[in-house]
Amino acid sequence: MIFDEPTRGIDIASKVEIYQLMNELKKQGIAVLFVSSEMPEILGFSDRIVVMCDGRITGSLLQEEATQEKILELATRFENKFAL
């Protein structure tokens, strides 16, 4: 199941409902692809984090090795590659 920024711009109660739904799907063995730009969500929910920059995968981290710093490093790896 793919969730693309499911909590963007909604209230806290609705976010909790979405988190509960995604956790229930995980418990049922259903793969959940969760796209988010919210670092606390990414770190709190993900078993594995795949980071992209400019349409390319720049790295993959398991939850236990993921930190905000590592994610940001991967997210900006190719940024400004062609800047003057």
PDB file of N, CA and C in Angstrom:
ATOM      1  N   MET A   1       0.848  -1.153   0.000  1.00  0.00           N
ATOM      2  CA  MET A   1       0.000   0.000   0.000  1.00  0.00           C
ATOM      3  C   MET A   1       0.905   1.231   0.000  1.00  0.00           C
ATOM      4  N   ILE A   2       0.606   2.187  -0.832  1.00  0.00           N
ATOM      5  CA  ILE A   2       1.416   3.399  -0.934  1.00  0.00           C
ATOM      6  C   ILE A   2       0.686   4.564  -0.277  1.00  0.00           C
ATOM      7  N   PHE A   3       1.389   5.246   0.616  1.00  0.00           N
ATOM      8  CA  PHE A   3       0.883   6.454   1.271  1.00  0.00           C
ATOM      9  C   PHE A   3       1.836   7.589   0.902  1.00  0.00           C
ATOM     10  N   ASP A   4       1.365   8.549   0.130  1.00  0.00           N
ATOM     11  CA  ASP A   4       2.200   9.667  -0.310  1.00  0.00           C
ATOM     12  C   ASP A   4       1.810  10.917   0.474  1.00  0.00           C
ATOM     13  N   GLU A   5       2.665  11.307   1.425  1.00  0.00           N
ATOM     14  CA  GLU A   5       2.431  12.463   2.299  1.00  0.00           C
ATOM     15  C   GLU A   5       1.023  12.416   2.912  1.00  0.00           C
ATOM     16  N   PRO A   6       0.647  11.305   3.548  1.00  0.00           N
ATOM     17  CA  PRO A   6      -0.732  11.160   4.030  1.00  0.00           C
ATOM     18  C   PRO A   6      -1.102  12.081   5.189  1.00  0.00           C
ATOM     19  N   THR A   7      -0.124  12.629   5.880  1.00  0.00           N
ATOM     20  CA  THR A   7      -0.438  13.448   7.052  1.00  0.00           C
ATOM     21  C   THR A   7      -0.180  14.930   6.823  1.00  0.00           C
ATOM     22  N   ARG A   8       0.165  15.287   5.635  1.00  0.00           N
ATOM     23  CA  ARG A   8       0.478  16.693   5.340  1.00  0.00           C
ATOM     24  C   ARG A   8      -0.790  17.547   5.433  1.00  0.00           C
ATOM     25  N   GLY A   9      -0.736  18.567   6.282  1.00  0.00           N
ATOM     26  CA  GLY A   9      -1.823  19.530   6.377  1.00  0.00           C
ATOM     27  C   GLY A   9      -3.065  19.063   7.101  1.00  0.00           C
ATOM     28  N   ILE A  10      -2.960  17.998   7.893  1.00  0.00           N
ATOM     29  CA  ILE A  10      -4.142  17.541   8.629  1.00  0.00           C
ATOM     30  C   ILE A  10      -3.900  17.645  10.132  1.00  0.00           C
ATOM     31  N   ASP A  11      -4.995  17.555  10.894  1.00  0.00           N
ATOM     32  CA  ASP A  11      -4.906  17.714  12.343  1.00  0.00           C
ATOM     33  C   ASP A  11      -4.294  16.479  13.009  1.00  0.00           C
ATOM     34  N   ILE A  12      -3.889  16.661  14.253  1.00  0.00           N
ATOM     35  CA  ILE A  12      -3.197  15.608  15.011  1.00  0.00           C
ATOM     36  C   ILE A  12      -4.049  14.347  15.139  1.00  0.00           C
ATOM     37  N   ALA A  13      -5.339  14.495  15.433  1.00  0.00           N
ATOM     38  CA  ALA A  13      -6.208  13.322  15.602  1.00  0.00           C
ATOM     39  C   ALA A  13      -6.264  12.493  14.320  1.00  0.00           C
ATOM     40  N   SER A  14      -6.335  13.156  13.191  1.00  0.00           N
ATOM     41  CA  SER A  14      -6.363  12.435  11.914  1.00  0.00           C
ATOM     42  C   SER A  14      -5.029  11.757  11.638  1.00  0.00           C
ATOM     43  N   LYS A  15      -3.926  12.401  12.023  1.00  0.00           N
ATOM     44  CA  LYS A  15      -2.607  11.780  11.874  1.00  0.00           C
ATOM     45  C   LYS A  15      -2.540  10.482  12.660  1.00  0.00           C
ATOM     46  N   VAL A  16      -3.047  10.510  13.886  1.00  0.00           N
ATOM     47  CA  VAL A  16      -3.030   9.309  14.730  1.00  0.00           C
ATOM     48  C   VAL A  16      -3.808   8.184  14.060  1.00  0.00           C
ATOM     49  N   GLU A  17      -4.958   8.499  13.471  1.00  0.00           N
ATOM     50  CA  GLU A  17      -5.753   7.483  12.776  1.00  0.00           C
ATOM     51  C   GLU A  17      -4.977   6.884  11.600  1.00  0.00           C
ATOM     52  N   ILE A  18      -4.286   7.721  10.870  1.00  0.00           N
ATOM     53  CA  ILE A  18      -3.496   7.235   9.729  1.00  0.00           C
ATOM     54  C   ILE A  18      -2.353   6.348  10.210  1.00  0.00           C
ATOM     55  N   TYR A  19      -1.663   6.762  11.277  1.00  0.00           N
ATOM     56  CA  TYR A  19      -0.583   5.937  11.837  1.00  0.00           C
ATOM     57  C   TYR A  19      -1.121   4.579  12.281  1.00  0.00           C
ATOM     58  N   GLN A  20      -2.296   4.576  12.920  1.00  0.00           N
ATOM     59  CA  GLN A  20      -2.893   3.316  13.372  1.00  0.00           C
ATOM     60  C   GLN A  20      -3.219   2.413  12.186  1.00  0.00           C
ATOM     61  N   LEU A  21      -3.760   2.993  11.124  1.00  0.00           N
ATOM     62  CA  LEU A  21      -4.074   2.218   9.922  1.00  0.00           C
ATOM     63  C   LEU A  21      -2.806   1.612   9.322  1.00  0.00           C
ATOM     64  N   MET A  22      -1.754   2.409   9.205  1.00  0.00           N
ATOM     65  CA  MET A  22      -0.509   1.898   8.629  1.00  0.00           C
ATOM     66  C   MET A  22       0.095   0.806   9.511  1.00  0.00           C
ATOM     67  N   ASN A  23       0.049   0.984  10.830  1.00  0.00           N
ATOM     68  CA  ASN A  23       0.567  -0.051  11.731  1.00  0.00           C
ATOM     69  C   ASN A  23      -0.247  -1.330  11.635  1.00  0.00           C
ATOM     70  N   GLU A  24      -1.555  -1.218  11.476  1.00  0.00           N
ATOM     71  CA  GLU A  24      -2.392  -2.405  11.327  1.00  0.00           C
ATOM     72  C   GLU A  24      -2.047  -3.149  10.036  1.00  0.00           C
ATOM     73  N   LEU A  25      -1.823  -2.421   8.979  1.00  0.00           N
ATOM     74  CA  LEU A  25      -1.420  -3.053   7.715  1.00  0.00           C
ATOM     75  C   LEU A  25      -0.087  -3.778   7.881  1.00  0.00           C
ATOM     76  N   LYS A  26       0.870  -3.151   8.571  1.00  0.00           N
ATOM     77  CA  LYS A  26       2.166  -3.794   8.827  1.00  0.00           C
ATOM     78  C   LYS A  26       1.984  -5.092   9.602  1.00  0.00           C
ATOM     79  N   LYS A  27       1.128  -5.059  10.623  1.00  0.00           N
ATOM     80  CA  LYS A  27       0.883  -6.260  11.440  1.00  0.00           C
ATOM     81  C   LYS A  27       0.290  -7.387  10.607  1.00  0.00           C
ATOM     82  N   GLN A  28      -0.478  -7.025   9.580  1.00  0.00           N
ATOM     83  CA  GLN A  28      -1.089  -8.023   8.698  1.00  0.00           C
ATOM     84  C   GLN A  28      -0.111  -8.526   7.633  1.00  0.00           C
ATOM     85  N   GLY A  29       1.104  -7.998   7.643  1.00  0.00           N
ATOM     86  CA  GLY A  29       2.105  -8.431   6.680  1.00  0.00           C
ATOM     87  C   GLY A  29       2.028  -7.718   5.344  1.00  0.00           C
ATOM     88  N   ILE A  30       1.277  -6.637   5.300  1.00  0.00           N
ATOM     89  CA  ILE A  30       1.143  -5.866   4.066  1.00  0.00           C
ATOM     90  C   ILE A  30       2.264  -4.831   4.013  1.00  0.00           C
ATOM     91  N   ALA A  31       2.962  -4.782   2.900  1.00  0.00           N
ATOM     92  CA  ALA A  31       4.038  -3.803   2.743  1.00  0.00           C
ATOM     93  C   ALA A  31       3.443  -2.401   2.670  1.00  0.00           C
ATOM     94  N   VAL A  32       4.070  -1.483   3.393  1.00  0.00           N
ATOM     95  CA  VAL A  32       3.621  -0.090   3.409  1.00  0.00           C
ATOM     96  C   VAL A  32       4.760   0.776   2.888  1.00  0.00           C
ATOM     97  N   LEU A  33       4.505   1.465   1.794  1.00  0.00           N
ATOM     98  CA  LEU A  33       5.451   2.436   1.255  1.00  0.00           C
ATOM     99  C   LEU A  33       4.951   3.806   1.691  1.00  0.00           C
ATOM    100  N   PHE A  34       5.729   4.457   2.534  1.00  0.00           N
ATOM    101  CA  PHE A  34       5.319   5.697   3.187  1.00  0.00           C
ATOM    102  C   PHE A  34       6.234   6.821   2.728  1.00  0.00           C
ATOM    103  N   VAL A  35       5.692   7.755   1.952  1.00  0.00           N
ATOM    104  CA  VAL A  35       6.460   8.890   1.454  1.00  0.00           C
ATOM    105  C   VAL A  35       6.163  10.073   2.361  1.00  0.00           C
ATOM    106  N   SER A  36       7.226  10.668   2.915  1.00  0.00           N
ATOM    107  CA  SER A  36       7.031  11.796   3.822  1.00  0.00           C
ATOM    108  C   SER A  36       8.252  12.700   3.810  1.00  0.00           C
ATOM    109  N   SER A  37       8.001  13.977   4.041  1.00  0.00           N
ATOM    110  CA  SER A  37       9.096  14.928   4.218  1.00  0.00           C
ATOM    111  C   SER A  37       9.226  15.320   5.684  1.00  0.00           C
ATOM    112  N   GLU A  38       8.456  14.664   6.550  1.00  0.00           N
ATOM    113  CA  GLU A  38       8.477  14.932   7.989  1.00  0.00           C
ATOM    114  C   GLU A  38       9.442  13.959   8.670  1.00  0.00           C
ATOM    115  N   MET A  39      10.576  14.469   9.118  1.00  0.00           N
ATOM    116  CA  MET A  39      11.618  13.622   9.695  1.00  0.00           C
ATOM    117  C   MET A  39      11.133  12.785  10.890  1.00  0.00           C
ATOM    118  N   PRO A  40      10.379  13.355  11.849  1.00  0.00           N
ATOM    119  CA  PRO A  40       9.918  12.526  12.973  1.00  0.00           C
ATOM    120  C   PRO A  40       9.054  11.347  12.519  1.00  0.00           C
ATOM    121  N   GLU A  41       8.225  11.561  11.494  1.00  0.00           N
ATOM    122  CA  GLU A  41       7.412  10.467  10.964  1.00  0.00           C
ATOM    123  C   GLU A  41       8.296   9.385  10.361  1.00  0.00           C
ATOM    124  N   ILE A  42       9.250   9.799   9.584  1.00  0.00           N
ATOM    125  CA  ILE A  42      10.142   8.847   8.919  1.00  0.00           C
ATOM    126  C   ILE A  42      10.884   8.001   9.951  1.00  0.00           C
ATOM    127  N   LEU A  43      11.474   8.669  10.927  1.00  0.00           N
ATOM    128  CA  LEU A  43      12.260   7.952  11.941  1.00  0.00           C
ATOM    129  C   LEU A  43      11.383   7.105  12.852  1.00  0.00           C
ATOM    130  N   GLY A  44      10.167   7.550  13.126  1.00  0.00           N
ATOM    131  CA  GLY A  44       9.298   6.843  14.057  1.00  0.00           C
ATOM    132  C   GLY A  44       8.553   5.672  13.468  1.00  0.00           C
ATOM    133  N   PHE A  45       8.320   5.682  12.173  1.00  0.00           N
ATOM    134  CA  PHE A  45       7.473   4.660  11.572  1.00  0.00           C
ATOM    135  C   PHE A  45       8.229   3.609  10.775  1.00  0.00           C
ATOM    136  N   SER A  46       9.311   3.969  10.184  1.00  0.00           N
ATOM    137  CA  SER A  46       9.944   3.131   9.161  1.00  0.00           C
ATOM    138  C   SER A  46      10.794   1.996   9.715  1.00  0.00           C
ATOM    139  N   ASP A  47      10.694   0.833   9.074  1.00  0.00           N
ATOM    140  CA  ASP A  47      11.612  -0.275   9.334  1.00  0.00           C
ATOM    141  C   ASP A  47      12.873  -0.097   8.492  1.00  0.00           C
ATOM    142  N   ARG A  48      12.675   0.439   7.295  1.00  0.00           N
ATOM    143  CA  ARG A  48      13.772   0.715   6.371  1.00  0.00           C
ATOM    144  C   ARG A  48      13.473   2.049   5.701  1.00  0.00           C
ATOM    145  N   ILE A  49      14.499   2.846   5.511  1.00  0.00           N
ATOM    146  CA  ILE A  49      14.335   4.165   4.918  1.00  0.00           C
ATOM    147  C   ILE A  49      15.156   4.215   3.633  1.00  0.00           C
ATOM    148  N   VAL A  50      14.490   4.509   2.527  1.00  0.00           N
ATOM    149  CA  VAL A  50      15.167   4.685   1.249  1.00  0.00           C
ATOM    150  C   VAL A  50      15.087   6.175   0.925  1.00  0.00           C
ATOM    151  N   VAL A  51      16.237   6.769   0.680  1.00  0.00           N
ATOM    152  CA  VAL A  51      16.317   8.212   0.460  1.00  0.00           C
ATOM    153  C   VAL A  51      16.574   8.485  -1.018  1.00  0.00           C
ATOM    154  N   MET A  52      15.862   9.495  -1.539  1.00  0.00           N
ATOM    155  CA  MET A  52      16.038   9.886  -2.935  1.00  0.00           C
ATOM    156  C   MET A  52      16.425  11.352  -3.026  1.00  0.00           C
ATOM    157  N   CYS A  53      17.173  11.675  -4.060  1.00  0.00           N
ATOM    158  CA  CYS A  53      17.525  13.058  -4.368  1.00  0.00           C
ATOM    159  C   CYS A  53      17.529  13.199  -5.884  1.00  0.00           C
ATOM    160  N   ASP A  54      16.824  14.183  -6.385  1.00  0.00           N
ATOM    161  CA  ASP A  54      16.759  14.422  -7.832  1.00  0.00           C
ATOM    162  C   ASP A  54      16.347  13.175  -8.608  1.00  0.00           C
ATOM    163  N   GLY A  55      15.377  12.430  -8.066  1.00  0.00           N
ATOM    164  CA  GLY A  55      14.848  11.263  -8.757  1.00  0.00           C
ATOM    165  C   GLY A  55      15.702  10.016  -8.691  1.00  0.00           C
ATOM    166  N   ARG A  56      16.795  10.063  -7.919  1.00  0.00           N
ATOM    167  CA  ARG A  56      17.677   8.891  -7.799  1.00  0.00           C
ATOM    168  C   ARG A  56      17.749   8.426  -6.354  1.00  0.00           C
ATOM    169  N   ILE A  57      17.821   7.130  -6.163  1.00  0.00           N
ATOM    170  CA  ILE A  57      18.023   6.585  -4.825  1.00  0.00           C
ATOM    171  C   ILE A  57      19.466   6.848  -4.426  1.00  0.00           C
ATOM    172  N   THR A  58      19.638   7.515  -3.287  1.00  0.00           N
ATOM    173  CA  THR A  58      20.986   7.861  -2.830  1.00  0.00           C
ATOM    174  C   THR A  58      21.433   7.007  -1.654  1.00  0.00           C
ATOM    175  N   GLY A  59      20.522   6.216  -1.109  1.00  0.00           N
ATOM    176  CA  GLY A  59      20.915   5.343  -0.012  1.00  0.00           C
ATOM    177  C   GLY A  59      19.728   4.688   0.654  1.00  0.00           C
ATOM    178  N   SER A  60      20.035   3.698   1.477  1.00  0.00           N
ATOM    179  CA  SER A  60      19.031   2.953   2.222  1.00  0.00           C
ATOM    180  C   SER A  60      19.562   2.715   3.627  1.00  0.00           C
ATOM    181  N   LEU A  61      18.704   2.915   4.608  1.00  0.00           N
ATOM    182  CA  LEU A  61      19.092   2.742   6.010  1.00  0.00           C
ATOM    183  C   LEU A  61      18.062   1.881   6.731  1.00  0.00           C
ATOM    184  N   LEU A  62      18.525   1.022   7.619  1.00  0.00           N
ATOM    185  CA  LEU A  62      17.619   0.316   8.512  1.00  0.00           C
ATOM    186  C   LEU A  62      17.273   1.248   9.668  1.00  0.00           C
ATOM    187  N   GLN A  63      16.141   1.011  10.302  1.00  0.00           N
ATOM    188  CA  GLN A  63      15.676   1.892  11.371  1.00  0.00           C
ATOM    189  C   GLN A  63      16.733   2.093  12.450  1.00  0.00           C
ATOM    190  N   GLU A  64      17.400   1.008  12.841  1.00  0.00           N
ATOM    191  CA  GLU A  64      18.360   1.105  13.943  1.00  0.00           C
ATOM    192  C   GLU A  64      19.614   1.909  13.600  1.00  0.00           C
ATOM    193  N   GLU A  65      19.895   2.104  12.320  1.00  0.00           N
ATOM    194  CA  GLU A  65      21.071   2.888  11.933  1.00  0.00           C
ATOM    195  C   GLU A  65      20.711   4.288  11.443  1.00  0.00           C
ATOM    196  N   ALA A  66      19.429   4.562  11.303  1.00  0.00           N
ATOM    197  CA  ALA A  66      18.985   5.839  10.748  1.00  0.00           C
ATOM    198  C   ALA A  66      19.022   6.949  11.793  1.00  0.00           C
ATOM    199  N   THR A  67      19.568   8.067  11.379  1.00  0.00           N
ATOM    200  CA  THR A  67      19.530   9.292  12.175  1.00  0.00           C
ATOM    201  C   THR A  67      19.127  10.421  11.236  1.00  0.00           C
ATOM    202  N   GLN A  68      18.695  11.518  11.816  1.00  0.00           N
ATOM    203  CA  GLN A  68      18.333  12.661  10.997  1.00  0.00           C
ATOM    204  C   GLN A  68      19.523  13.122  10.166  1.00  0.00           C
ATOM    205  N   GLU A  69      20.694  13.105  10.762  1.00  0.00           N
ATOM    206  CA  GLU A  69      21.893  13.547  10.054  1.00  0.00           C
ATOM    207  C   GLU A  69      22.203  12.662   8.847  1.00  0.00           C
ATOM    208  N   LYS A  70      22.104  11.335   9.021  1.00  0.00           N
ATOM    209  CA  LYS A  70      22.386  10.418   7.911  1.00  0.00           C
ATOM    210  C   LYS A  70      21.369  10.583   6.788  1.00  0.00           C
ATOM    211  N   ILE A  71      20.108  10.756   7.164  1.00  0.00           N
ATOM    212  CA  ILE A  71      19.067  10.930   6.151  1.00  0.00           C
ATOM    213  C   ILE A  71      19.295  12.219   5.371  1.00  0.00           C
ATOM    214  N   LEU A  72      19.584  13.305   6.077  1.00  0.00           N
ATOM    215  CA  LEU A  72      19.825  14.583   5.403  1.00  0.00           C
ATOM    216  C   LEU A  72      21.053  14.527   4.504  1.00  0.00           C
ATOM    217  N   GLU A  73      22.079  13.817   4.946  1.00  0.00           N
ATOM    218  CA  GLU A  73      23.277  13.657   4.113  1.00  0.00           C
ATOM    219  C   GLU A  73      22.931  12.954   2.804  1.00  0.00           C
ATOM    220  N   LEU A  74      22.142  11.885   2.899  1.00  0.00           N
ATOM    221  CA  LEU A  74      21.740  11.158   1.695  1.00  0.00           C
ATOM    222  C   LEU A  74      20.796  11.993   0.832  1.00  0.00           C
ATOM    223  N   ALA A  75      19.934  12.771   1.466  1.00  0.00           N
ATOM    224  CA  ALA A  75      18.949  13.570   0.731  1.00  0.00           C
ATOM    225  C   ALA A  75      19.586  14.708  -0.048  1.00  0.00           C
ATOM    226  N   THR A  76      20.776  15.108   0.342  1.00  0.00           N
ATOM    227  CA  THR A  76      21.433  16.230  -0.338  1.00  0.00           C
ATOM    228  C   THR A  76      22.688  15.794  -1.090  1.00  0.00           C
ATOM    229  N   ARG A  77      22.865  14.513  -1.230  1.00  0.00           N
ATOM    230  CA  ARG A  77      24.088  13.974  -1.838  1.00  0.00           C
ATOM    231  C   ARG A  77      24.370  14.537  -3.226  1.00  0.00           C
ATOM    232  N   PHE A  78      23.365  14.649  -4.072  1.00  0.00           N
ATOM    233  CA  PHE A  78      23.578  15.113  -5.442  1.00  0.00           C
ATOM    234  C   PHE A  78      23.010  16.506  -5.669  1.00  0.00           C
ATOM    235  N   GLU A  79      22.581  17.157  -4.614  1.00  0.00           N
ATOM    236  CA  GLU A  79      22.000  18.490  -4.740  1.00  0.00           C
ATOM    237  C   GLU A  79      23.047  19.478  -5.235  1.00  0.00           C
ATOM    238  N   ASN A  80      22.623  20.369  -6.063  1.00  0.00           N
ATOM    239  CA  ASN A  80      23.499  21.402  -6.625  1.00  0.00           C
ATOM    240  C   ASN A  80      24.674  20.823  -7.422  1.00  0.00           C
ATOM    241  N   LYS A  81      24.510  19.641  -7.938  1.00  0.00           N
ATOM    242  CA  LYS A  81      25.573  18.999  -8.717  1.00  0.00           C
ATOM    243  C   LYS A  81      25.971  19.848  -9.923  1.00  0.00           C
ATOM    244  N   PHE A  82      24.985  20.533 -10.509  1.00  0.00           N
ATOM    245  CA  PHE A  82      25.254  21.311 -11.712  1.00  0.00           C
ATOM    246  C   PHE A  82      25.196  22.813 -11.450  1.00  0.00           C
ATOM    247  N   ALA A  83      25.281  23.207 -10.191  1.00  0.00           N
ATOM    248  CA  ALA A  83      25.225  24.638  -9.864  1.00  0.00           C
ATOM    249  C   ALA A  83      26.463  25.350 -10.391  1.00  0.00           C
ATOM    250  N   LEU A  84      26.274  26.579 -10.761  1.00  0.00           N
ATOM    251  CA  LEU A  84      27.399  27.383 -11.266  1.00  0.00           C
ATOM    252  C   LEU A  84      28.107  28.069 -10.135  1.00  0.00           C
TER     253      LEU A  84
END
